[in-house]
Amino acid sequence: MLFMMIVKASKNSEGTNLPNLALRQAMDEYNDALIEGGVRVMAKGLHPSSNGMRMSFVKPGEKPVVTAGPFPNTNELIAGFFLIEVKTKEEAIYWAMKAPDPQGDGEGQIELRQVF
């Protein structure tokens, strides 16, 4: 079963600040554990939405409207993701629960979704 662990954005991740050294080390250790556990397929962080674009399909059959970032409502944005291959939903939850707080300051949130 393939699952995506979606790391939700925060004001911090939408800023220009990189995570502090302790958080980067914790994420490196977590990534190593995923690899050693044989479940990590891919893991990537995303640039802030200020570097992004959004395509809105507002009228059927017409070209989408392109809006440049940054985008409001950081709780609706994604800061990064992990893609993991596991045998059960419970195993996916196990690995997601082992993740460090991705924002490092109590703002972190990970959404776990199975991939079709």
N, C-alpha and C. Protein backbone atom coordinates (compact mmCIF):
# COMPACT_ATOMS: atom_id res chain seq x y z
N MET A 1 0.85 -1.17 0.00
CA MET A 1 0.00 0.00 0.00
C MET A 1 0.89 1.23 0.00
N LEU A 2 0.54 2.18 -0.85
CA LEU A 2 1.30 3.41 -0.97
C LEU A 2 0.57 4.52 -0.23
N PHE A 3 1.31 5.22 0.62
CA PHE A 3 0.74 6.34 1.38
C PHE A 3 1.60 7.58 1.20
N MET A 4 0.94 8.72 1.17
CA MET A 4 1.64 10.00 1.16
C MET A 4 1.43 10.64 2.52
N MET A 5 2.54 11.00 3.13
CA MET A 5 2.50 11.77 4.38
C MET A 5 2.71 13.23 3.96
N ILE A 6 1.65 14.01 4.02
CA ILE A 6 1.68 15.40 3.56
C ILE A 6 2.03 16.30 4.73
N VAL A 7 3.14 16.98 4.62
CA VAL A 7 3.57 17.91 5.66
C VAL A 7 2.91 19.26 5.37
N LYS A 8 2.04 19.66 6.29
CA LYS A 8 1.33 20.91 6.11
C LYS A 8 2.26 22.10 6.36
N ALA A 9 2.00 23.18 5.65
CA ALA A 9 2.81 24.39 5.78
C ALA A 9 2.42 25.17 7.04
N SER A 10 3.27 26.10 7.40
CA SER A 10 3.01 27.01 8.52
C SER A 10 3.58 28.37 8.15
N LYS A 11 3.37 29.34 9.00
CA LYS A 11 3.96 30.65 8.75
C LYS A 11 5.48 30.53 8.64
N ASN A 12 6.06 29.66 9.45
CA ASN A 12 7.51 29.47 9.43
C ASN A 12 7.97 28.87 8.10
N SER A 13 7.32 27.80 7.65
CA SER A 13 7.74 27.16 6.41
C SER A 13 7.47 28.03 5.18
N GLU A 14 6.52 28.93 5.30
CA GLU A 14 6.22 29.85 4.20
C GLU A 14 7.18 31.04 4.18
N GLY A 15 7.96 31.18 5.23
CA GLY A 15 8.95 32.25 5.28
C GLY A 15 10.23 31.84 4.56
N THR A 16 11.25 32.62 4.72
CA THR A 16 12.51 32.33 4.06
C THR A 16 13.49 31.60 4.98
N ASN A 17 13.05 31.32 6.20
CA ASN A 17 13.93 30.67 7.17
C ASN A 17 13.96 29.16 6.94
N LEU A 18 15.17 28.60 6.94
CA LEU A 18 15.31 27.15 6.92
C LEU A 18 15.06 26.62 8.33
N PRO A 19 14.66 25.35 8.46
CA PRO A 19 14.51 24.79 9.80
C PRO A 19 15.83 24.86 10.56
N ASN A 20 15.76 24.94 11.89
CA ASN A 20 16.98 25.02 12.68
C ASN A 20 17.75 23.70 12.58
N LEU A 21 18.99 23.72 13.04
CA LEU A 21 19.87 22.57 12.92
C LEU A 21 19.30 21.33 13.61
N ALA A 22 18.74 21.49 14.79
CA ALA A 22 18.19 20.35 15.52
C ALA A 22 17.06 19.68 14.73
N LEU A 23 16.19 20.48 14.13
CA LEU A 23 15.09 19.93 13.35
C LEU A 23 15.61 19.25 12.08
N ARG A 24 16.58 19.86 11.42
CA ARG A 24 17.17 19.24 10.23
C ARG A 24 17.79 17.89 10.58
N GLN A 25 18.47 17.82 11.72
CA GLN A 25 19.07 16.55 12.14
C GLN A 25 18.00 15.51 12.47
N ALA A 26 16.93 15.94 13.14
CA ALA A 26 15.84 15.03 13.47
C ALA A 26 15.18 14.49 12.19
N MET A 27 15.00 15.35 11.20
CA MET A 27 14.42 14.92 9.93
C MET A 27 15.36 13.97 9.18
N ASP A 28 16.67 14.25 9.22
CA ASP A 28 17.65 13.34 8.61
C ASP A 28 17.59 11.97 9.26
N GLU A 29 17.51 11.93 10.59
CA GLU A 29 17.43 10.65 11.31
C GLU A 29 16.13 9.92 10.97
N TYR A 30 15.03 10.67 10.86
CA TYR A 30 13.75 10.06 10.50
C TYR A 30 13.81 9.48 9.09
N ASN A 31 14.38 10.24 8.16
CA ASN A 31 14.54 9.74 6.79
C ASN A 31 15.38 8.48 6.77
N ASP A 32 16.47 8.47 7.54
CA ASP A 32 17.31 7.27 7.63
C ASP A 32 16.52 6.08 8.16
N ALA A 33 15.67 6.32 9.17
CA ALA A 33 14.86 5.24 9.74
C ALA A 33 13.87 4.70 8.70
N LEU A 34 13.28 5.59 7.90
CA LEU A 34 12.36 5.16 6.85
C LEU A 34 13.09 4.30 5.81
N ILE A 35 14.30 4.72 5.46
CA ILE A 35 15.10 3.96 4.49
C ILE A 35 15.49 2.61 5.07
N GLU A 36 16.00 2.63 6.31
CA GLU A 36 16.41 1.37 6.95
C GLU A 36 15.23 0.43 7.14
N GLY A 37 14.03 0.99 7.36
CA GLY A 37 12.83 0.20 7.51
C GLY A 37 12.29 -0.32 6.18
N GLY A 38 12.90 0.14 5.08
CA GLY A 38 12.51 -0.32 3.76
C GLY A 38 11.17 0.20 3.28
N VAL A 39 10.73 1.34 3.81
CA VAL A 39 9.41 1.85 3.44
C VAL A 39 9.44 3.16 2.65
N ARG A 40 10.55 3.88 2.69
CA ARG A 40 10.58 5.18 2.01
C ARG A 40 10.73 5.01 0.51
N VAL A 41 9.82 5.64 -0.23
CA VAL A 41 9.89 5.69 -1.68
C VAL A 41 10.51 7.01 -2.10
N MET A 42 10.06 8.10 -1.47
CA MET A 42 10.54 9.43 -1.80
C MET A 42 10.19 10.38 -0.67
N ALA A 43 10.99 11.41 -0.51
CA ALA A 43 10.69 12.47 0.46
C ALA A 43 11.26 13.77 -0.10
N LYS A 44 10.45 14.81 -0.10
CA LYS A 44 10.89 16.11 -0.62
C LYS A 44 10.22 17.23 0.14
N GLY A 45 10.93 18.33 0.28
CA GLY A 45 10.37 19.56 0.79
C GLY A 45 10.03 20.46 -0.39
N LEU A 46 9.12 21.38 -0.18
CA LEU A 46 8.70 22.29 -1.25
C LEU A 46 9.11 23.72 -0.93
N HIS A 47 9.38 24.48 -1.98
CA HIS A 47 9.63 25.91 -1.80
C HIS A 47 8.36 26.56 -1.27
N PRO A 48 8.48 27.73 -0.64
CA PRO A 48 7.28 28.44 -0.16
C PRO A 48 6.34 28.78 -1.31
N SER A 49 5.08 29.01 -0.99
CA SER A 49 4.10 29.31 -2.03
C SER A 49 4.41 30.63 -2.74
N SER A 50 5.26 31.46 -2.17
CA SER A 50 5.65 32.70 -2.86
C SER A 50 6.36 32.40 -4.18
N ASN A 51 6.91 31.19 -4.31
CA ASN A 51 7.55 30.76 -5.56
C ASN A 51 6.61 29.93 -6.43
N GLY A 52 5.35 29.79 -6.01
CA GLY A 52 4.42 28.91 -6.72
C GLY A 52 3.40 29.66 -7.55
N MET A 53 2.66 28.89 -8.30
CA MET A 53 1.55 29.39 -9.09
C MET A 53 0.37 28.47 -8.88
N ARG A 54 -0.80 29.01 -9.01
CA ARG A 54 -2.03 28.22 -8.85
C ARG A 54 -2.87 28.37 -10.12
N MET A 55 -3.33 27.25 -10.67
CA MET A 55 -4.20 27.26 -11.83
C MET A 55 -5.63 27.01 -11.35
N SER A 56 -6.51 27.94 -11.65
CA SER A 56 -7.92 27.82 -11.25
C SER A 56 -8.77 27.61 -12.50
N PHE A 57 -9.49 26.50 -12.51
CA PHE A 57 -10.35 26.18 -13.64
C PHE A 57 -11.75 26.72 -13.33
N VAL A 58 -11.95 27.99 -13.69
CA VAL A 58 -13.18 28.68 -13.27
C VAL A 58 -14.34 28.51 -14.23
N LYS A 59 -14.04 28.26 -15.53
CA LYS A 59 -15.11 28.08 -16.51
C LYS A 59 -14.81 26.85 -17.35
N PRO A 60 -15.74 25.89 -17.39
CA PRO A 60 -15.52 24.68 -18.18
C PRO A 60 -15.17 25.00 -19.63
N GLY A 61 -14.14 24.34 -20.15
CA GLY A 61 -13.75 24.53 -21.53
C GLY A 61 -12.84 25.71 -21.79
N GLU A 62 -12.64 26.57 -20.79
CA GLU A 62 -11.75 27.72 -20.97
C GLU A 62 -10.42 27.46 -20.29
N LYS A 63 -9.42 28.23 -20.69
CA LYS A 63 -8.11 28.09 -20.07
C LYS A 63 -8.19 28.48 -18.60
N PRO A 64 -7.37 27.82 -17.77
CA PRO A 64 -7.38 28.18 -16.35
C PRO A 64 -6.78 29.55 -16.11
N VAL A 65 -7.15 30.14 -15.00
CA VAL A 65 -6.60 31.42 -14.56
C VAL A 65 -5.37 31.12 -13.72
N VAL A 66 -4.27 31.78 -14.03
CA VAL A 66 -3.02 31.56 -13.31
C VAL A 66 -2.83 32.67 -12.28
N THR A 67 -2.61 32.27 -11.04
CA THR A 67 -2.38 33.22 -9.95
C THR A 67 -1.02 32.92 -9.33
N ALA A 68 -0.20 33.94 -9.22
CA ALA A 68 1.12 33.77 -8.60
C ALA A 68 0.98 33.83 -7.08
N GLY A 69 1.83 33.06 -6.38
CA GLY A 69 1.85 33.08 -4.93
C GLY A 69 2.49 34.36 -4.43
N PRO A 70 2.52 34.59 -3.15
CA PRO A 70 2.17 33.66 -2.08
C PRO A 70 0.66 33.54 -1.91
N PHE A 71 0.27 32.44 -1.27
CA PHE A 71 -1.14 32.17 -1.06
C PHE A 71 -1.47 32.30 0.42
N PRO A 72 -2.67 32.81 0.74
CA PRO A 72 -3.07 32.94 2.15
C PRO A 72 -3.42 31.57 2.73
N ASN A 73 -3.79 31.55 3.97
CA ASN A 73 -4.24 30.33 4.65
C ASN A 73 -3.18 29.24 4.62
N THR A 74 -2.09 29.46 5.33
CA THR A 74 -1.00 28.49 5.33
C THR A 74 -1.44 27.10 5.75
N ASN A 75 -2.52 26.99 6.54
CA ASN A 75 -2.98 25.67 6.96
C ASN A 75 -3.52 24.84 5.80
N GLU A 76 -3.73 25.45 4.64
CA GLU A 76 -4.20 24.73 3.46
C GLU A 76 -3.06 24.41 2.50
N LEU A 77 -1.85 24.82 2.81
CA LEU A 77 -0.71 24.63 1.92
C LEU A 77 0.13 23.44 2.35
N ILE A 78 0.97 22.99 1.44
CA ILE A 78 1.85 21.85 1.69
C ILE A 78 3.30 22.32 1.70
N ALA A 79 4.05 21.89 2.71
CA ALA A 79 5.46 22.25 2.82
C ALA A 79 6.36 21.14 2.29
N GLY A 80 5.84 19.91 2.21
CA GLY A 80 6.63 18.79 1.74
C GLY A 80 5.86 17.51 1.87
N PHE A 81 6.53 16.40 1.55
CA PHE A 81 5.85 15.11 1.62
C PHE A 81 6.84 13.97 1.75
N PHE A 82 6.33 12.86 2.24
CA PHE A 82 7.03 11.58 2.25
C PHE A 82 6.10 10.61 1.52
N LEU A 83 6.65 9.78 0.68
CA LEU A 83 5.89 8.73 0.04
C LEU A 83 6.43 7.42 0.59
N ILE A 84 5.54 6.63 1.22
CA ILE A 84 5.98 5.38 1.85
C ILE A 84 5.18 4.20 1.31
N GLU A 85 5.83 3.06 1.21
CA GLU A 85 5.21 1.81 0.76
C GLU A 85 5.19 0.87 1.96
N VAL A 86 3.99 0.53 2.42
CA VAL A 86 3.81 -0.31 3.61
C VAL A 86 2.80 -1.41 3.33
N LYS A 87 2.68 -2.35 4.26
CA LYS A 87 1.75 -3.47 4.07
C LYS A 87 0.33 -3.16 4.54
N THR A 88 0.21 -2.27 5.55
CA THR A 88 -1.11 -1.99 6.12
C THR A 88 -1.26 -0.52 6.47
N LYS A 89 -2.50 -0.10 6.66
CA LYS A 89 -2.78 1.26 7.11
C LYS A 89 -2.16 1.49 8.49
N GLU A 90 -2.21 0.47 9.33
CA GLU A 90 -1.64 0.59 10.68
C GLU A 90 -0.13 0.84 10.62
N GLU A 91 0.54 0.20 9.67
CA GLU A 91 1.98 0.43 9.52
C GLU A 91 2.25 1.86 9.04
N ALA A 92 1.40 2.37 8.17
CA ALA A 92 1.54 3.77 7.72
C ALA A 92 1.39 4.72 8.90
N ILE A 93 0.40 4.45 9.75
CA ILE A 93 0.19 5.29 10.94
C ILE A 93 1.39 5.18 11.86
N TYR A 94 1.93 3.99 12.03
CA TYR A 94 3.12 3.78 12.87
C TYR A 94 4.27 4.68 12.40
N TRP A 95 4.55 4.67 11.10
CA TRP A 95 5.66 5.48 10.59
C TRP A 95 5.36 6.98 10.68
N ALA A 96 4.12 7.36 10.44
CA ALA A 96 3.76 8.78 10.54
C ALA A 96 3.90 9.27 11.98
N MET A 97 3.55 8.42 12.95
CA MET A 97 3.65 8.80 14.36
C MET A 97 5.10 8.95 14.82
N LYS A 98 6.03 8.33 14.11
CA LYS A 98 7.45 8.42 14.47
C LYS A 98 8.10 9.71 13.95
N ALA A 99 7.42 10.43 13.09
CA ALA A 99 7.99 11.65 12.50
C ALA A 99 8.18 12.72 13.57
N PRO A 100 9.26 13.47 13.46
CA PRO A 100 9.38 14.62 14.36
C PRO A 100 8.40 15.71 13.92
N ASP A 101 8.12 16.63 14.82
CA ASP A 101 7.27 17.78 14.47
C ASP A 101 7.93 18.47 13.27
N PRO A 102 7.29 18.45 12.10
CA PRO A 102 7.95 18.99 10.91
C PRO A 102 8.19 20.49 10.93
N GLN A 103 7.53 21.20 11.83
CA GLN A 103 7.78 22.63 11.96
C GLN A 103 8.66 22.92 13.18
N GLY A 104 8.78 21.95 14.07
CA GLY A 104 9.69 22.06 15.20
C GLY A 104 9.24 22.95 16.33
N ASP A 105 8.06 23.53 16.24
CA ASP A 105 7.66 24.48 17.27
C ASP A 105 6.20 24.30 17.69
N GLY A 106 5.68 23.10 17.51
CA GLY A 106 4.29 22.85 17.89
C GLY A 106 3.28 23.23 16.83
N GLU A 107 3.73 23.75 15.68
CA GLU A 107 2.82 24.10 14.59
C GLU A 107 2.68 22.96 13.59
N GLY A 108 3.51 21.93 13.71
CA GLY A 108 3.57 20.89 12.70
C GLY A 108 2.30 20.06 12.59
N GLN A 109 2.04 19.64 11.37
CA GLN A 109 0.89 18.77 11.11
C GLN A 109 1.22 17.92 9.89
N ILE A 110 0.92 16.62 9.99
CA ILE A 110 1.11 15.70 8.88
C ILE A 110 -0.23 15.05 8.58
N GLU A 111 -0.59 15.08 7.31
CA GLU A 111 -1.82 14.42 6.86
C GLU A 111 -1.41 13.14 6.15
N LEU A 112 -2.03 12.03 6.50
CA LEU A 112 -1.70 10.73 5.92
C LEU A 112 -2.80 10.32 4.96
N ARG A 113 -2.43 10.07 3.69
CA ARG A 113 -3.43 9.72 2.67
C ARG A 113 -2.92 8.55 1.84
N GLN A 114 -3.82 7.58 1.62
CA GLN A 114 -3.46 6.45 0.77
C GLN A 114 -3.54 6.87 -0.70
N VAL A 115 -2.58 6.40 -1.49
CA VAL A 115 -2.52 6.70 -2.92
C VAL A 115 -3.26 5.61 -3.67
N PHE A 116 -4.04 5.98 -4.67
CA PHE A 116 -4.72 4.99 -5.51
C PHE A 116 -3.71 4.24 -6.33
